[in-house]
Amino acid sequence: MSTIKRNKKTIIMAVSAVILVLFIIFLFNLLVDKDKLSSKKRVGDFIITESKLEYNGTIYVLTAKVKNNSREDKDSVKLKITLYDKSGNDITYTTGYLGDVKSKKTVELSAAFGIEKTDISNVKYEIAK
């Protein structure tokens, strides 16, 4: 076999291997939610994205973007926000106040949790009454 044919075959095999690895990574990311804290969540008519939970030395601060995905404006919106450990036990909760949220608009959510530093693995949201 000539050198050119061997080089082509090697390049084709290498590119195929890279494509296969990228495809496997893509499938893994679809099947496994690696970060439950920052994953997109739907609560009623609201979509919550870009969640971040940071510990500043004394308290945890959660920030997120919340979109009213309905066709109606929502008044005096409050969310119950619960933090969970890796065993699924609830650690604490608080209420996040969004106020009035126009249809299809996104607002910033900010909520504080006055707890000591701990291993938090998930956050859940509910519409508060």
C-alpha atoms as a PDB file:
ATOM      1  CA  MET A   1       0.000   0.000   0.000  1.00  0.00           C
ATOM      2  CA  SER A   2       1.384   3.385  -0.869  1.00  0.00           C
ATOM      3  CA  THR A   3       2.241   5.958   1.765  1.00  0.00           C
ATOM      4  CA  ILE A   4      -0.498   8.315   0.563  1.00  0.00           C
ATOM      5  CA  LYS A   5      -3.196   5.633   0.895  1.00  0.00           C
ATOM      6  CA  ARG A   6      -1.947   4.707   4.395  1.00  0.00           C
ATOM      7  CA  ASN A   7      -1.978   8.366   5.442  1.00  0.00           C
ATOM      8  CA  LYS A   8      -5.519   8.835   4.096  1.00  0.00           C
ATOM      9  CA  LYS A   9      -6.689   5.726   5.917  1.00  0.00           C
ATOM     10  CA  THR A  10      -5.054   6.891   9.167  1.00  0.00           C
ATOM     11  CA  ILE A  11      -6.624  10.348   8.865  1.00  0.00           C
ATOM     12  CA  ILE A  12     -10.063   8.882   8.150  1.00  0.00           C
ATOM     13  CA  MET A  13      -9.797   6.566  11.149  1.00  0.00           C
ATOM     14  CA  ALA A  14      -8.649   9.415  13.434  1.00  0.00           C
ATOM     15  CA  VAL A  15     -11.477  11.721  12.309  1.00  0.00           C
ATOM     16  CA  SER A  16     -13.997   8.900  12.746  1.00  0.00           C
ATOM     17  CA  ALA A  17     -12.731   8.251  16.274  1.00  0.00           C
ATOM     18  CA  VAL A  18     -13.020  11.938  17.186  1.00  0.00           C
ATOM     19  CA  ILE A  19     -16.563  12.109  15.801  1.00  0.00           C
ATOM     20  CA  LEU A  20     -17.520   8.985  17.743  1.00  0.00           C
ATOM     21  CA  VAL A  21     -16.121  10.393  21.003  1.00  0.00           C
ATOM     22  CA  LEU A  22     -17.944  13.711  20.487  1.00  0.00           C
ATOM     23  CA  PHE A  23     -21.186  11.855  19.768  1.00  0.00           C
ATOM     24  CA  ILE A  24     -20.828   9.787  22.962  1.00  0.00           C
ATOM     25  CA  ILE A  25     -20.194  12.951  25.006  1.00  0.00           C
ATOM     26  CA  PHE A  26     -23.245  14.573  23.420  1.00  0.00           C
ATOM     27  CA  LEU A  27     -25.449  11.577  24.293  1.00  0.00           C
ATOM     28  CA  PHE A  28     -24.093  11.455  27.835  1.00  0.00           C
ATOM     29  CA  ASN A  29     -24.949  15.132  28.358  1.00  0.00           C
ATOM     30  CA  LEU A  30     -28.477  14.511  27.113  1.00  0.00           C
ATOM     31  CA  LEU A  31     -29.043  11.548  29.407  1.00  0.00           C
ATOM     32  CA  VAL A  32     -27.359  12.772  32.587  1.00  0.00           C
ATOM     33  CA  ASP A  33     -28.214  16.024  34.326  1.00  0.00           C
ATOM     34  CA  LYS A  34     -24.748  16.825  35.648  1.00  0.00           C
ATOM     35  CA  ASP A  35     -25.725  19.989  37.478  1.00  0.00           C
ATOM     36  CA  LYS A  36     -29.180  20.033  38.985  1.00  0.00           C
ATOM     37  CA  LEU A  37     -28.562  23.477  40.448  1.00  0.00           C
ATOM     38  CA  SER A  38     -28.120  25.227  37.132  1.00  0.00           C
ATOM     39  CA  SER A  39     -30.331  23.116  34.889  1.00  0.00           C
ATOM     40  CA  LYS A  40     -33.328  24.685  33.178  1.00  0.00           C
ATOM     41  CA  LYS A  41     -36.515  24.236  35.194  1.00  0.00           C
ATOM     42  CA  ARG A  42     -40.184  24.771  34.440  1.00  0.00           C
ATOM     43  CA  VAL A  43     -42.584  25.830  37.195  1.00  0.00           C
ATOM     44  CA  GLY A  44     -46.122  26.489  36.038  1.00  0.00           C
ATOM     45  CA  ASP A  45     -45.928  29.170  33.359  1.00  0.00           C
ATOM     46  CA  PHE A  46     -42.375  30.107  34.298  1.00  0.00           C
ATOM     47  CA  ILE A  47     -39.037  28.930  32.918  1.00  0.00           C
ATOM     48  CA  ILE A  48     -36.044  29.289  35.235  1.00  0.00           C
ATOM     49  CA  THR A  49     -32.556  29.418  33.718  1.00  0.00           C
ATOM     50  CA  GLU A  50     -29.019  30.457  34.602  1.00  0.00           C
ATOM     51  CA  SER A  51     -29.376  29.511  38.272  1.00  0.00           C
ATOM     52  CA  LYS A  52     -26.267  30.136  40.345  1.00  0.00           C
ATOM     53  CA  LEU A  53     -25.798  29.411  44.023  1.00  0.00           C
ATOM     54  CA  GLU A  54     -22.814  31.032  45.702  1.00  0.00           C
ATOM     55  CA  TYR A  55     -21.638  31.023  49.293  1.00  0.00           C
ATOM     56  CA  ASN A  56     -20.174  34.378  50.335  1.00  0.00           C
ATOM     57  CA  GLY A  57     -18.752  33.274  53.687  1.00  0.00           C
ATOM     58  CA  THR A  58     -21.904  33.830  55.741  1.00  0.00           C
ATOM     59  CA  ILE A  59     -24.906  33.123  53.494  1.00  0.00           C
ATOM     60  CA  TYR A  60     -25.841  31.456  50.233  1.00  0.00           C
ATOM     61  CA  VAL A  61     -27.155  33.703  47.467  1.00  0.00           C
ATOM     62  CA  LEU A  62     -29.168  32.183  44.626  1.00  0.00           C
ATOM     63  CA  THR A  63     -29.624  34.122  41.404  1.00  0.00           C
ATOM     64  CA  ALA A  64     -31.552  33.069  38.310  1.00  0.00           C
ATOM     65  CA  LYS A  65     -33.488  34.349  35.326  1.00  0.00           C
ATOM     66  CA  VAL A  66     -37.220  33.683  35.356  1.00  0.00           C
ATOM     67  CA  LYS A  67     -39.336  34.020  32.215  1.00  0.00           C
ATOM     68  CA  ASN A  68     -43.124  34.284  32.206  1.00  0.00           C
ATOM     69  CA  ASN A  69     -43.814  31.940  29.301  1.00  0.00           C
ATOM     70  CA  SER A  70     -47.586  32.493  29.317  1.00  0.00           C
ATOM     71  CA  ARG A  71     -49.724  34.882  27.290  1.00  0.00           C
ATOM     72  CA  GLU A  72     -50.891  36.632  30.450  1.00  0.00           C
ATOM     73  CA  ASP A  73     -49.203  39.066  32.787  1.00  0.00           C
ATOM     74  CA  LYS A  74     -48.680  37.635  36.278  1.00  0.00           C
ATOM     75  CA  ASP A  75     -49.091  39.772  39.393  1.00  0.00           C
ATOM     76  CA  SER A  76     -47.278  39.487  42.729  1.00  0.00           C
ATOM     77  CA  VAL A  77     -45.327  36.366  41.782  1.00  0.00           C
ATOM     78  CA  LYS A  78     -43.554  34.508  44.603  1.00  0.00           C
ATOM     79  CA  LEU A  79     -41.531  31.310  44.362  1.00  0.00           C
ATOM     80  CA  LYS A  80     -40.788  28.892  47.179  1.00  0.00           C
ATOM     81  CA  ILE A  81     -37.148  27.858  46.725  1.00  0.00           C
ATOM     82  CA  THR A  82     -35.955  24.702  48.483  1.00  0.00           C
ATOM     83  CA  LEU A  83     -32.355  23.472  48.701  1.00  0.00           C
ATOM     84  CA  TYR A  84     -31.574  19.737  48.876  1.00  0.00           C
ATOM     85  CA  ASP A  85     -28.526  17.669  49.773  1.00  0.00           C
ATOM     86  CA  LYS A  86     -27.234  14.807  47.605  1.00  0.00           C
ATOM     87  CA  SER A  87     -29.445  12.316  49.491  1.00  0.00           C
ATOM     88  CA  GLY A  88     -32.555  14.262  48.518  1.00  0.00           C
ATOM     89  CA  ASN A  89     -33.183  15.669  51.996  1.00  0.00           C
ATOM     90  CA  ASP A  90     -34.393  19.245  52.131  1.00  0.00           C
ATOM     91  CA  ILE A  91     -31.954  21.556  53.889  1.00  0.00           C
ATOM     92  CA  THR A  92     -33.854  24.834  53.953  1.00  0.00           C
ATOM     93  CA  TYR A  93     -36.216  26.989  51.942  1.00  0.00           C
ATOM     94  CA  THR A  94     -37.012  30.632  51.364  1.00  0.00           C
ATOM     95  CA  THR A  95     -39.405  32.701  49.286  1.00  0.00           C
ATOM     96  CA  GLY A  96     -38.222  34.652  46.263  1.00  0.00           C
ATOM     97  CA  TYR A  97     -40.313  37.663  45.292  1.00  0.00           C
ATOM     98  CA  LEU A  98     -40.530  38.447  41.584  1.00  0.00           C
ATOM     99  CA  GLY A  99     -43.327  41.024  41.723  1.00  0.00           C
ATOM    100  CA  ASP A 100     -45.372  41.616  38.580  1.00  0.00           C
ATOM    101  CA  VAL A 101     -44.055  39.781  35.522  1.00  0.00           C
ATOM    102  CA  LYS A 102     -45.329  40.723  32.067  1.00  0.00           C
ATOM    103  CA  SER A 103     -46.122  38.062  29.485  1.00  0.00           C
ATOM    104  CA  LYS A 104     -43.019  36.659  27.730  1.00  0.00           C
ATOM    105  CA  LYS A 105     -40.717  38.865  29.845  1.00  0.00           C
ATOM    106  CA  THR A 106     -37.737  37.702  31.899  1.00  0.00           C
ATOM    107  CA  VAL A 107     -36.892  39.011  35.363  1.00  0.00           C
ATOM    108  CA  GLU A 108     -33.989  38.448  37.747  1.00  0.00           C
ATOM    109  CA  LEU A 109     -34.497  36.351  40.866  1.00  0.00           C
ATOM    110  CA  SER A 110     -32.304  36.817  43.901  1.00  0.00           C
ATOM    111  CA  ALA A 111     -32.767  34.973  47.182  1.00  0.00           C
ATOM    112  CA  ALA A 112     -30.631  34.529  50.288  1.00  0.00           C
ATOM    113  CA  PHE A 113     -30.300  31.508  52.580  1.00  0.00           C
ATOM    114  CA  GLY A 114     -28.858  32.090  56.058  1.00  0.00           C
ATOM    115  CA  ILE A 115     -27.266  28.685  56.576  1.00  0.00           C
ATOM    116  CA  GLU A 116     -23.757  27.423  57.173  1.00  0.00           C
ATOM    117  CA  LYS A 117     -21.763  26.090  54.248  1.00  0.00           C
ATOM    118  CA  THR A 118     -22.994  22.614  53.330  1.00  0.00           C
ATOM    119  CA  ASP A 119     -23.162  20.225  50.368  1.00  0.00           C
ATOM    120  CA  ILE A 120     -26.119  21.378  48.270  1.00  0.00           C
ATOM    121  CA  SER A 121     -26.873  19.318  45.171  1.00  0.00           C
ATOM    122  CA  ASN A 122     -30.311  20.435  43.993  1.00  0.00           C
ATOM    123  CA  VAL A 123     -32.753  23.310  44.089  1.00  0.00           C
ATOM    124  CA  LYS A 124     -36.492  23.080  43.481  1.00  0.00           C
ATOM    125  CA  TYR A 125     -38.968  25.840  42.831  1.00  0.00           C
ATOM    126  CA  GLU A 126     -42.708  26.016  43.481  1.00  0.00           C
ATOM    127  CA  ILE A 127     -45.241  28.785  42.988  1.00  0.00           C
ATOM    128  CA  ALA A 128     -45.795  30.225  46.481  1.00  0.00           C
ATOM    129  CA  LYS A 129     -49.241  31.289  47.554  1.00  0.00           C
END
